[in-house]
Structures are given as structure tokens and as C-alpha cells.
Amino acid sequence: MREFVVGPRWLRVRVRTEEEVWGGKLAPFFESAGASAGGEGAGPRLEIGTGEAPEEATEVRSRLAGDVFVMEGPAGEGRYDLATGSGRLNLTPRCGAFFETFLRQVFLWETYRRGGLVLHSVAFAEGDAVVLAAGPSDSGKSTLARLVRNRFVAYSDEMNVVDGEGRVWGLPFRGTGVERVHSGGGKLAVVAFHRPGEKFAAAPLRPAEAARRLGPNVFVPEAAAAELQRRAFERLGTTVLNAAALTVEVPLDAGATTEGFVKIIRQFLSAKDGCDET
């Protein structure tokens, strides 16, 4: 068996996996996610082994059976007990990305249990100040992450958590343009809604409008009850109240994006601190 931990300091998941599963299927993903050896300390626990797929499982299905989250598909079956914080994932040779999808759900459930909010976004930090950049599909989040990461510390351009204290953490999943997801921990300062454009333009947003625009970027666990979804949007309201919000039109050209986006964000950061710079 191999044991390791994965995830930001705020939420560490301990994983035990059979050697044959690790070597052929899991090692590349968890190594790029920054997993570390050992499973010590408190936190959710997950065992990964081999097994048969549920009969007649032709597609991935998720459901909540009491306190147990269940995910089944042709690549395997996973169960996670929300009451005890422990689960088991059985993978078939056709596992594909099934294990990653299941682990993502564990992170989502545990994030909301701890009072956090999960957002589909790009996160950058300069010192302790974090910028969350969000936008609709094809708005250029991954391109923006690639272009400005040489000037900021990049967390993730896929999924980021805002915890109960307003600090931001990147979740370690593939589908991100960042080679190794930074664990995070900086304080959320600015929420930026961006879209491609021919020139730079920026304007502040009121909290109610910022919450409306950020709403489609909220991630909740699959099979989540209406009560959890309601709590998620309450946390969204608190999040936008505690950060500056603005719209930014960004030309997605390497040189222009880096310099222009950095300048705009720094102006808003300094204005938020009461020392507006031009």
C-alpha cells in the first residue's frame, strides 16, 4: 500500500492506495497535484483499490444515500461517508478519470462542511492579496492564467476555494493551465470579471451585481440538497461584500495582457487600501 496526502493546507485528504493501482493510473495525477508521502494528521480519509464496476453501469451516476455519497459508473464505484469523513473507491482497468472525479466531489463536500465556497475561477496572488478572475465559458480564463503567471503567484485556473476567513486556496485538479497548483492561503482582495476585448477598460461593480455575475461560477457537490445550495449562495454574498469587484476588458495578447492587467489590478488593490495610485 502507498499512503499520501493531497490538497491545500486548509483541507488535506489522506489517501491509501494499492500499489498496482498507484503505479498504472494514479501516480502522474497526484505527483502533478503536489501530493506528499505519508497520511498522518486529521482530515478526510480515502482508500483506493481494484474492483468490479456495478452491473449495468453505462454512465456515471451520483446520489446521496443518507449520509453516504455514492458515485457509480463503468470505471468503478465510490462511496464516501459524510458523517465519518471516510470513503472507498474501487477502480476497474477502464478507470480513466473516474478516480479524479470522485476525489473532486470529496473536496467539494468537505469544503462546504468547513464553511468554504468553491468557485470556477482563476486565482492570482501578489504578496498576501489575491485576485479571483471569473468569466463565462470561453472568456479566456486559461489564457489569462498563462499570460500573467510570470507576474503573480498562480493558484488554479479551474477551482478555487474561499474559506470562512476570506482566504483563497487552489484545488489540485487537472484541466488547469498551471503546471503545479499553488496551495494558496492569501486573502481575497479583488474579484475581477473579465472578457476579451480590443483595448483595456475597467469599471467597479456594486456587491449585488458582483454576486449576480459570480453566481454561475459557484460549484456545489453533486446530489447536494437545496439547503446546501442556499448556504453556498449566502457565502457568495459575504464573499463579494469583503472584496473589491470590477469588470475588466482584456486584449488577450501576451505583452499587453501582462502589463495592462497587472496595472489595473494594482490600481484597485492600492485603492482598496486607501492609497490610490495612478
C-alpha atoms as a PDB file:
ATOM      1  CA  MET A   1       0.000   0.000   0.000  1.00  0.00           C
ATOM      2  CA  ARG A   2       1.003   3.624  -0.564  1.00  0.00           C
ATOM      3  CA  GLU A   3      -0.115   6.485   1.659  1.00  0.00           C
ATOM      4  CA  PHE A   4      -0.013  10.183   0.882  1.00  0.00           C
ATOM      5  CA  VAL A   5      -1.873  13.444   1.433  1.00  0.00           C
ATOM      6  CA  VAL A   6      -3.191  15.810  -1.230  1.00  0.00           C
ATOM      7  CA  GLY A   7      -4.889  19.202  -1.149  1.00  0.00           C
ATOM      8  CA  PRO A   8      -4.261  22.673   0.318  1.00  0.00           C
ATOM      9  CA  ARG A   9      -3.269  23.101   3.960  1.00  0.00           C
ATOM     10  CA  TRP A  10      -6.842  24.120   4.728  1.00  0.00           C
ATOM     11  CA  LEU A  11      -8.179  20.725   3.533  1.00  0.00           C
ATOM     12  CA  ARG A  12      -5.829  17.747   3.404  1.00  0.00           C
ATOM     13  CA  VAL A  13      -7.199  14.400   2.184  1.00  0.00           C
ATOM     14  CA  ARG A  14      -5.345  11.266   3.315  1.00  0.00           C
ATOM     15  CA  VAL A  15      -5.255   8.539   0.667  1.00  0.00           C
ATOM     16  CA  ARG A  16      -4.262   4.859   0.899  1.00  0.00           C
ATOM     17  CA  THR A  17      -3.959   3.042  -2.410  1.00  0.00           C
ATOM     18  CA  GLU A  18      -2.977  -0.418  -3.557  1.00  0.00           C
ATOM     19  CA  GLU A  19       0.425  -0.483  -5.234  1.00  0.00           C
ATOM     20  CA  GLU A  20      -0.830  -1.757  -8.602  1.00  0.00           C
ATOM     21  CA  VAL A  21      -3.464   0.972  -8.811  1.00  0.00           C
ATOM     22  CA  TRP A  22      -0.954   3.701  -7.968  1.00  0.00           C
ATOM     23  CA  GLY A  23       1.693   2.698 -10.499  1.00  0.00           C
ATOM     24  CA  GLY A  24      -0.537   2.437 -13.555  1.00  0.00           C
ATOM     25  CA  LYS A  25      -3.212   5.050 -13.007  1.00  0.00           C
ATOM     26  CA  LEU A  26      -2.752   7.485 -10.147  1.00  0.00           C
ATOM     27  CA  ALA A  27       0.909   8.448  -9.926  1.00  0.00           C
ATOM     28  CA  PRO A  28       1.013  11.057 -12.753  1.00  0.00           C
ATOM     29  CA  PHE A  29      -2.013  12.963 -11.488  1.00  0.00           C
ATOM     30  CA  PHE A  30      -1.101  13.036  -7.814  1.00  0.00           C
ATOM     31  CA  GLU A  31       2.539  13.895  -8.469  1.00  0.00           C
ATOM     32  CA  SER A  32       1.485  16.922 -10.554  1.00  0.00           C
ATOM     33  CA  ALA A  33      -1.028  17.855  -7.836  1.00  0.00           C
ATOM     34  CA  GLY A  34       1.745  18.157  -5.257  1.00  0.00           C
ATOM     35  CA  ALA A  35       0.830  15.107  -3.180  1.00  0.00           C
ATOM     36  CA  SER A  36       3.257  14.322  -0.378  1.00  0.00           C
ATOM     37  CA  ALA A  37       4.133  10.951   1.134  1.00  0.00           C
ATOM     38  CA  GLY A  38       2.526   9.870   4.374  1.00  0.00           C
ATOM     39  CA  GLY A  39      -1.007  10.013   5.673  1.00  0.00           C
ATOM     40  CA  GLU A  40      -0.560  11.485   9.129  1.00  0.00           C
ATOM     41  CA  GLY A  41      -2.864  14.021  10.719  1.00  0.00           C
ATOM     42  CA  ALA A  42      -6.569  14.678  10.845  1.00  0.00           C
ATOM     43  CA  GLY A  43      -8.711  15.016   7.748  1.00  0.00           C
ATOM     44  CA  PRO A  44     -10.856  13.039   5.312  1.00  0.00           C
ATOM     45  CA  ARG A  45      -9.670   9.510   4.549  1.00  0.00           C
ATOM     46  CA  LEU A  46      -9.977   7.684   1.255  1.00  0.00           C
ATOM     47  CA  GLU A  47      -8.930   4.151   0.267  1.00  0.00           C
ATOM     48  CA  ILE A  48      -8.444   3.246  -3.397  1.00  0.00           C
ATOM     49  CA  GLY A  49      -8.380  -0.312  -4.655  1.00  0.00           C
ATOM     50  CA  THR A  50      -9.486  -2.529  -7.535  1.00  0.00           C
ATOM     51  CA  GLY A  51     -12.947  -3.930  -8.057  1.00  0.00           C
ATOM     52  CA  GLU A  52     -15.775  -4.625 -10.464  1.00  0.00           C
ATOM     53  CA  ALA A  53     -17.989  -1.957 -11.956  1.00  0.00           C
ATOM     54  CA  PRO A  54     -21.637  -2.018 -10.844  1.00  0.00           C
ATOM     55  CA  GLU A  55     -23.835  -4.096 -13.128  1.00  0.00           C
ATOM     56  CA  GLU A  56     -25.462  -2.187 -15.994  1.00  0.00           C
ATOM     57  CA  ALA A  57     -23.476   0.967 -15.177  1.00  0.00           C
ATOM     58  CA  THR A  58     -23.300   2.597 -18.603  1.00  0.00           C
ATOM     59  CA  GLU A  59     -22.745   6.162 -17.375  1.00  0.00           C
ATOM     60  CA  VAL A  60     -21.550   7.931 -14.240  1.00  0.00           C
ATOM     61  CA  ARG A  61     -24.354   8.463 -11.727  1.00  0.00           C
ATOM     62  CA  SER A  62     -24.251  10.182  -8.336  1.00  0.00           C
ATOM     63  CA  ARG A  63     -26.680  10.041  -5.420  1.00  0.00           C
ATOM     64  CA  LEU A  64     -26.879  10.649  -1.705  1.00  0.00           C
ATOM     65  CA  ALA A  65     -27.968   7.661   0.395  1.00  0.00           C
ATOM     66  CA  GLY A  66     -28.475   9.095   3.866  1.00  0.00           C
ATOM     67  CA  ASP A  67     -25.049  10.429   4.861  1.00  0.00           C
ATOM     68  CA  VAL A  68     -23.227   8.464   2.147  1.00  0.00           C
ATOM     69  CA  PHE A  69     -22.322   9.993  -1.209  1.00  0.00           C
ATOM     70  CA  VAL A  70     -22.323   7.275  -3.905  1.00  0.00           C
ATOM     71  CA  MET A  71     -20.862   7.547  -7.399  1.00  0.00           C
ATOM     72  CA  GLU A  72     -21.097   4.646  -9.858  1.00  0.00           C
ATOM     73  CA  GLY A  73     -20.010   4.148 -13.449  1.00  0.00           C
ATOM     74  CA  PRO A  74     -18.405   1.726 -15.904  1.00  0.00           C
ATOM     75  CA  ALA A  75     -14.980   2.650 -14.488  1.00  0.00           C
ATOM     76  CA  GLY A  76     -15.742   1.848 -10.861  1.00  0.00           C
ATOM     77  CA  GLU A  77     -17.698   2.671  -7.747  1.00  0.00           C
ATOM     78  CA  GLY A  78     -17.047   5.088  -4.898  1.00  0.00           C
ATOM     79  CA  ARG A  79     -18.690   5.673  -1.524  1.00  0.00           C
ATOM     80  CA  TYR A  80     -17.919   8.500   0.882  1.00  0.00           C
ATOM     81  CA  ASP A  81     -19.471   8.710   4.362  1.00  0.00           C
ATOM     82  CA  LEU A  82     -20.047  12.371   5.139  1.00  0.00           C
ATOM     83  CA  ALA A  83     -20.609  11.638   8.820  1.00  0.00           C
ATOM     84  CA  THR A  84     -17.266   9.886   9.394  1.00  0.00           C
ATOM     85  CA  GLY A  85     -15.166  11.584   6.699  1.00  0.00           C
ATOM     86  CA  SER A  86     -14.045   8.286   5.182  1.00  0.00           C
ATOM     87  CA  GLY A  87     -14.607   6.533   1.882  1.00  0.00           C
ATOM     88  CA  ARG A  88     -13.637   3.759  -0.503  1.00  0.00           C
ATOM     89  CA  LEU A  89     -13.081   3.957  -4.249  1.00  0.00           C
ATOM     90  CA  ASN A  90     -12.866   0.759  -6.353  1.00  0.00           C
ATOM     91  CA  LEU A  91     -11.445   1.187  -9.841  1.00  0.00           C
ATOM     92  CA  THR A  92     -11.618  -1.099 -12.865  1.00  0.00           C
ATOM     93  CA  PRO A  93      -8.951  -1.261 -15.594  1.00  0.00           C
ATOM     94  CA  ARG A  94     -11.120   1.233 -17.523  1.00  0.00           C
ATOM     95  CA  CYS A  95     -10.939   3.749 -14.674  1.00  0.00           C
ATOM     96  CA  GLY A  96      -9.994   6.752 -16.819  1.00  0.00           C
ATOM     97  CA  ALA A  97     -10.683   9.936 -14.872  1.00  0.00           C
ATOM     98  CA  PHE A  98     -13.246   8.313 -12.557  1.00  0.00           C
ATOM     99  CA  PHE A  99     -10.987   8.466  -9.505  1.00  0.00           C
ATOM    100  CA  GLU A 100     -10.296  12.172 -10.083  1.00  0.00           C
ATOM    101  CA  THR A 101     -13.997  12.962 -10.483  1.00  0.00           C
ATOM    102  CA  PHE A 102     -14.764  11.163  -7.219  1.00  0.00           C
ATOM    103  CA  LEU A 103     -11.941  12.915  -5.357  1.00  0.00           C
ATOM    104  CA  ARG A 104     -13.219  16.263  -6.647  1.00  0.00           C
ATOM    105  CA  GLN A 105     -16.579  15.503  -5.041  1.00  0.00           C
ATOM    106  CA  VAL A 106     -14.906  14.656  -1.724  1.00  0.00           C
ATOM    107  CA  PHE A 107     -13.179  18.048  -1.783  1.00  0.00           C
ATOM    108  CA  LEU A 108     -16.468  19.789  -2.581  1.00  0.00           C
ATOM    109  CA  TRP A 109     -18.414  18.128   0.223  1.00  0.00           C
ATOM    110  CA  GLU A 110     -15.670  18.751   2.776  1.00  0.00           C
ATOM    111  CA  THR A 111     -15.183  22.364   1.682  1.00  0.00           C
ATOM    112  CA  TYR A 112     -18.811  23.196   2.401  1.00  0.00           C
ATOM    113  CA  ARG A 113     -18.721  21.282   5.673  1.00  0.00           C
ATOM    114  CA  ARG A 114     -15.895  23.622   6.736  1.00  0.00           C
ATOM    115  CA  GLY A 115     -17.684  26.814   5.757  1.00  0.00           C
ATOM    116  CA  GLY A 116     -15.984  27.417   2.398  1.00  0.00           C
ATOM    117  CA  LEU A 117     -17.161  28.400  -1.067  1.00  0.00           C
ATOM    118  CA  VAL A 118     -15.902  26.782  -4.301  1.00  0.00           C
ATOM    119  CA  LEU A 119     -15.673  28.939  -7.421  1.00  0.00           C
ATOM    120  CA  HIS A 120     -14.753  28.179 -11.033  1.00  0.00           C
ATOM    121  CA  SER A 121     -12.122  30.873 -11.406  1.00  0.00           C
ATOM    122  CA  VAL A 122      -8.516  31.904 -11.923  1.00  0.00           C
ATOM    123  CA  ALA A 123      -6.685  32.950  -8.739  1.00  0.00           C
ATOM    124  CA  PHE A 124      -3.515  35.068  -8.577  1.00  0.00           C
ATOM    125  CA  ALA A 125      -1.651  36.411  -5.564  1.00  0.00           C
ATOM    126  CA  GLU A 126       0.733  39.298  -5.098  1.00  0.00           C
ATOM    127  CA  GLY A 127       2.047  39.077  -1.574  1.00  0.00           C
ATOM    128  CA  ASP A 128      -0.934  38.267   0.646  1.00  0.00           C
ATOM    129  CA  ALA A 129      -3.509  39.861  -1.709  1.00  0.00           C
ATOM    130  CA  VAL A 130      -5.436  37.522  -4.029  1.00  0.00           C
ATOM    131  CA  VAL A 131      -7.325  38.332  -7.218  1.00  0.00           C
ATOM    132  CA  LEU A 132     -10.103  35.982  -8.355  1.00  0.00           C
ATOM    133  CA  ALA A 133     -10.807  36.361 -12.074  1.00  0.00           C
ATOM    134  CA  ALA A 134     -14.052  34.851 -13.317  1.00  0.00           C
ATOM    135  CA  GLY A 135     -15.998  34.855 -16.541  1.00  0.00           C
ATOM    136  CA  PRO A 136     -18.293  32.745 -18.728  1.00  0.00           C
ATOM    137  CA  SER A 137     -17.058  29.801 -20.760  1.00  0.00           C
ATOM    138  CA  ASP A 138     -14.530  30.773 -23.446  1.00  0.00           C
ATOM    139  CA  SER A 139     -13.842  34.123 -21.768  1.00  0.00           C
ATOM    140  CA  GLY A 140     -10.121  33.362 -21.698  1.00  0.00           C
ATOM    141  CA  LYS A 141      -9.512  32.242 -18.085  1.00  0.00           C
ATOM    142  CA  SER A 142      -6.839  29.712 -19.020  1.00  0.00           C
ATOM    143  CA  THR A 143      -5.212  32.116 -21.468  1.00  0.00           C
ATOM    144  CA  LEU A 144      -5.176  34.850 -18.831  1.00  0.00           C
ATOM    145  CA  ALA A 145      -3.614  32.461 -16.298  1.00  0.00           C
ATOM    146  CA  ARG A 146      -0.852  31.518 -18.730  1.00  0.00           C
ATOM    147  CA  LEU A 147      -0.074  35.121 -19.670  1.00  0.00           C
ATOM    148  CA  VAL A 148       0.147  36.734 -16.225  1.00  0.00           C
ATOM    149  CA  ARG A 149       1.539  33.933 -14.059  1.00  0.00           C
ATOM    150  CA  ASN A 150       5.072  35.323 -14.508  1.00  0.00           C
ATOM    151  CA  ARG A 151       3.966  38.407 -12.529  1.00  0.00           C
ATOM    152  CA  PHE A 152       1.692  36.791  -9.933  1.00  0.00           C
ATOM    153  CA  VAL A 153       1.682  33.569  -7.928  1.00  0.00           C
ATOM    154  CA  ALA A 154      -0.919  31.420  -9.713  1.00  0.00           C
ATOM    155  CA  TYR A 155      -3.189  29.193  -7.623  1.00  0.00           C
ATOM    156  CA  SER A 156      -5.503  27.499 -10.122  1.00  0.00           C
ATOM    157  CA  ASP A 157      -7.463  28.372 -13.244  1.00  0.00           C
ATOM    158  CA  GLU A 158     -10.027  25.663 -12.561  1.00  0.00           C
ATOM    159  CA  MET A 159     -11.369  25.548  -8.996  1.00  0.00           C
ATOM    160  CA  ASN A 160     -10.543  27.796  -6.052  1.00  0.00           C
ATOM    161  CA  VAL A 161     -11.919  27.836  -2.505  1.00  0.00           C
ATOM    162  CA  VAL A 162     -12.670  30.917  -0.433  1.00  0.00           C
ATOM    163  CA  ASP A 163     -12.640  29.745   3.188  1.00  0.00           C
ATOM    164  CA  GLY A 164     -14.593  31.147   6.122  1.00  0.00           C
ATOM    165  CA  GLU A 165     -11.844  33.693   6.841  1.00  0.00           C
ATOM    166  CA  GLY A 166     -11.765  35.012   3.271  1.00  0.00           C
ATOM    167  CA  ARG A 167      -8.556  33.211   2.285  1.00  0.00           C
ATOM    168  CA  VAL A 168      -8.188  31.540  -1.103  1.00  0.00           C
ATOM    169  CA  TRP A 169      -6.920  28.016  -1.815  1.00  0.00           C
ATOM    170  CA  GLY A 170      -6.427  26.267  -5.155  1.00  0.00           C
ATOM    171  CA  LEU A 171      -7.802  22.740  -5.515  1.00  0.00           C
ATOM    172  CA  PRO A 172      -5.400  20.269  -7.158  1.00  0.00           C
ATOM    173  CA  PHE A 173      -7.157  19.016 -10.264  1.00  0.00           C
ATOM    174  CA  ARG A 174      -6.187  18.588 -13.880  1.00  0.00           C
ATOM    175  CA  GLY A 175      -7.771  20.719 -16.552  1.00  0.00           C
ATOM    176  CA  THR A 176      -5.703  23.660 -15.385  1.00  0.00           C
ATOM    177  CA  GLY A 177      -3.114  25.612 -17.332  1.00  0.00           C
ATOM    178  CA  VAL A 178      -0.956  25.852 -14.213  1.00  0.00           C
ATOM    179  CA  GLU A 179       1.656  23.088 -14.190  1.00  0.00           C
ATOM    180  CA  ARG A 180       1.587  22.671 -10.400  1.00  0.00           C
ATOM    181  CA  VAL A 181      -1.285  24.181  -8.456  1.00  0.00           C
ATOM    182  CA  HIS A 182      -0.074  26.502  -5.683  1.00  0.00           C
ATOM    183  CA  SER A 183      -1.794  25.592  -2.416  1.00  0.00           C
ATOM    184  CA  GLY A 184      -2.716  29.208  -1.702  1.00  0.00           C
ATOM    185  CA  GLY A 185      -3.653  30.926   1.535  1.00  0.00           C
ATOM    186  CA  GLY A 186      -3.687  34.603   0.517  1.00  0.00           C
ATOM    187  CA  LYS A 187      -6.519  36.976   1.428  1.00  0.00           C
ATOM    188  CA  LEU A 188      -9.155  37.677  -1.225  1.00  0.00           C
ATOM    189  CA  ALA A 189      -8.872  41.352  -2.223  1.00  0.00           C
ATOM    190  CA  VAL A 190     -10.357  41.721  -5.720  1.00  0.00           C
ATOM    191  CA  VAL A 191     -12.953  39.859  -7.785  1.00  0.00           C
ATOM    192  CA  ALA A 192     -12.452  40.652 -11.478  1.00  0.00           C
ATOM    193  CA  PHE A 193     -14.926  39.746 -14.224  1.00  0.00           C
ATOM    194  CA  HIS A 194     -13.036  39.714 -17.488  1.00  0.00           C
ATOM    195  CA  ARG A 195     -13.756  39.309 -21.148  1.00  0.00           C
ATOM    196  CA  PRO A 196     -11.599  39.570 -24.281  1.00  0.00           C
ATOM    197  CA  GLY A 197     -11.520  42.987 -25.929  1.00  0.00           C
ATOM    198  CA  GLU A 198      -9.510  45.156 -28.277  1.00  0.00           C
ATOM    199  CA  LYS A 199      -8.338  47.514 -25.512  1.00  0.00           C
ATOM    200  CA  PHE A 200      -8.230  47.668 -21.721  1.00  0.00           C
ATOM    201  CA  ALA A 201     -11.241  49.002 -19.880  1.00  0.00           C
ATOM    202  CA  ALA A 202     -12.216  48.635 -16.218  1.00  0.00           C
ATOM    203  CA  ALA A 203     -15.153  49.709 -14.049  1.00  0.00           C
ATOM    204  CA  PRO A 204     -16.104  48.984 -10.415  1.00  0.00           C
ATOM    205  CA  LEU A 205     -19.147  46.861  -9.547  1.00  0.00           C
ATOM    206  CA  ARG A 206     -21.573  47.046  -6.656  1.00  0.00           C
ATOM    207  CA  PRO A 207     -21.738  43.908  -4.438  1.00  0.00           C
ATOM    208  CA  ALA A 208     -25.213  42.880  -5.644  1.00  0.00           C
ATOM    209  CA  GLU A 209     -24.125  42.963  -9.286  1.00  0.00           C
ATOM    210  CA  ALA A 210     -20.866  41.166  -8.454  1.00  0.00           C
ATOM    211  CA  ALA A 211     -22.820  38.382  -6.712  1.00  0.00           C
ATOM    212  CA  ARG A 212     -25.157  38.057  -9.702  1.00  0.00           C
ATOM    213  CA  ARG A 213     -22.254  37.725 -12.122  1.00  0.00           C
ATOM    214  CA  LEU A 214     -20.326  35.315  -9.899  1.00  0.00           C
ATOM    215  CA  GLY A 215     -23.344  33.077  -9.257  1.00  0.00           C
ATOM    216  CA  PRO A 216     -22.868  30.823 -12.339  1.00  0.00           C
ATOM    217  CA  ASN A 217     -19.281  30.146 -11.185  1.00  0.00           C
ATOM    218  CA  VAL A 218     -20.336  28.554  -7.878  1.00  0.00           C
ATOM    219  CA  PHE A 219     -19.563  24.824  -7.595  1.00  0.00           C
ATOM    220  CA  VAL A 220     -21.640  22.652  -5.256  1.00  0.00           C
ATOM    221  CA  PRO A 221     -21.322  18.870  -4.781  1.00  0.00           C
ATOM    222  CA  GLU A 222     -23.364  16.580  -6.976  1.00  0.00           C
ATOM    223  CA  ALA A 223     -26.589  15.416  -5.291  1.00  0.00           C
ATOM    224  CA  ALA A 224     -26.388  18.376  -2.898  1.00  0.00           C
ATOM    225  CA  ALA A 225     -29.649  19.257  -1.164  1.00  0.00           C
ATOM    226  CA  ALA A 226     -31.329  22.618  -1.579  1.00  0.00           C
ATOM    227  CA  GLU A 227     -30.183  23.649   1.911  1.00  0.00           C
ATOM    228  CA  LEU A 228     -26.510  23.309   0.974  1.00  0.00           C
ATOM    229  CA  GLN A 229     -27.077  25.245  -2.238  1.00  0.00           C
ATOM    230  CA  ARG A 230     -28.762  28.018  -0.239  1.00  0.00           C
ATOM    231  CA  ARG A 231     -25.783  28.196   2.153  1.00  0.00           C
ATOM    232  CA  ALA A 232     -23.404  28.368  -0.805  1.00  0.00           C
ATOM    233  CA  PHE A 233     -25.107  31.476  -2.169  1.00  0.00           C
ATOM    234  CA  GLU A 234     -25.207  33.065   1.275  1.00  0.00           C
ATOM    235  CA  ARG A 235     -21.424  32.644   1.407  1.00  0.00           C
ATOM    236  CA  LEU A 236     -21.211  34.127  -2.066  1.00  0.00           C
ATOM    237  CA  GLY A 237     -22.896  37.268  -0.761  1.00  0.00           C
ATOM    238  CA  THR A 238     -20.424  37.541   2.116  1.00  0.00           C
ATOM    239  CA  THR A 239     -17.502  36.976  -0.240  1.00  0.00           C
ATOM    240  CA  VAL A 240     -18.336  39.870  -2.569  1.00  0.00           C
ATOM    241  CA  LEU A 241     -19.016  42.208   0.370  1.00  0.00           C
ATOM    242  CA  ASN A 242     -15.468  41.697   1.654  1.00  0.00           C
ATOM    243  CA  ALA A 243     -13.628  42.317  -1.639  1.00  0.00           C
ATOM    244  CA  ALA A 244     -13.459  44.977  -4.317  1.00  0.00           C
ATOM    245  CA  ALA A 245     -15.199  43.972  -7.566  1.00  0.00           C
ATOM    246  CA  LEU A 246     -14.678  45.220 -11.111  1.00  0.00           C
ATOM    247  CA  THR A 247     -15.194  44.379 -14.746  1.00  0.00           C
ATOM    248  CA  VAL A 248     -12.123  44.252 -16.987  1.00  0.00           C
ATOM    249  CA  GLU A 249     -11.922  44.092 -20.752  1.00  0.00           C
ATOM    250  CA  VAL A 250      -8.636  42.404 -21.629  1.00  0.00           C
ATOM    251  CA  PRO A 251      -6.888  42.054 -25.018  1.00  0.00           C
ATOM    252  CA  LEU A 252      -5.503  38.516 -24.862  1.00  0.00           C
ATOM    253  CA  ASP A 253      -2.125  39.423 -26.330  1.00  0.00           C
ATOM    254  CA  ALA A 254       0.948  38.306 -24.408  1.00  0.00           C
ATOM    255  CA  GLY A 255       2.663  41.624 -23.757  1.00  0.00           C
ATOM    256  CA  ALA A 256      -0.435  43.780 -23.475  1.00  0.00           C
ATOM    257  CA  THR A 257      -2.255  41.372 -21.178  1.00  0.00           C
ATOM    258  CA  THR A 258       0.595  41.041 -18.731  1.00  0.00           C
ATOM    259  CA  GLU A 259       1.317  44.738 -18.333  1.00  0.00           C
ATOM    260  CA  GLY A 260      -2.221  46.060 -18.660  1.00  0.00           C
ATOM    261  CA  PHE A 261      -3.914  43.540 -16.391  1.00  0.00           C
ATOM    262  CA  VAL A 262      -1.221  43.904 -13.731  1.00  0.00           C
ATOM    263  CA  LYS A 263      -1.553  47.703 -13.817  1.00  0.00           C
ATOM    264  CA  ILE A 264      -5.333  47.625 -13.439  1.00  0.00           C
ATOM    265  CA  ILE A 265      -5.266  45.106 -10.600  1.00  0.00           C
ATOM    266  CA  ARG A 266      -2.577  47.027  -8.711  1.00  0.00           C
ATOM    267  CA  GLN A 267      -4.609  50.230  -9.015  1.00  0.00           C
ATOM    268  CA  PHE A 268      -7.627  48.529  -7.482  1.00  0.00           C
ATOM    269  CA  LEU A 269      -5.550  46.883  -4.757  1.00  0.00           C
ATOM    270  CA  SER A 270      -3.982  50.190  -3.783  1.00  0.00           C
ATOM    271  CA  ALA A 271      -7.335  51.997  -3.895  1.00  0.00           C
ATOM    272  CA  LYS A 272      -8.817  49.339  -1.627  1.00  0.00           C
ATOM    273  CA  ASP A 273      -6.008  50.010   0.857  1.00  0.00           C
ATOM    274  CA  GLY A 274      -6.731  53.723   0.787  1.00  0.00           C
ATOM    275  CA  CYS A 275      -3.708  54.836  -1.225  1.00  0.00           C
ATOM    276  CA  ASP A 276      -4.963  55.101  -4.791  1.00  0.00           C
ATOM    277  CA  GLU A 277      -2.123  55.179  -7.346  1.00  0.00           C
ATOM    278  CA  THR A 278      -2.282  56.242 -10.948  1.00  0.00           C
END
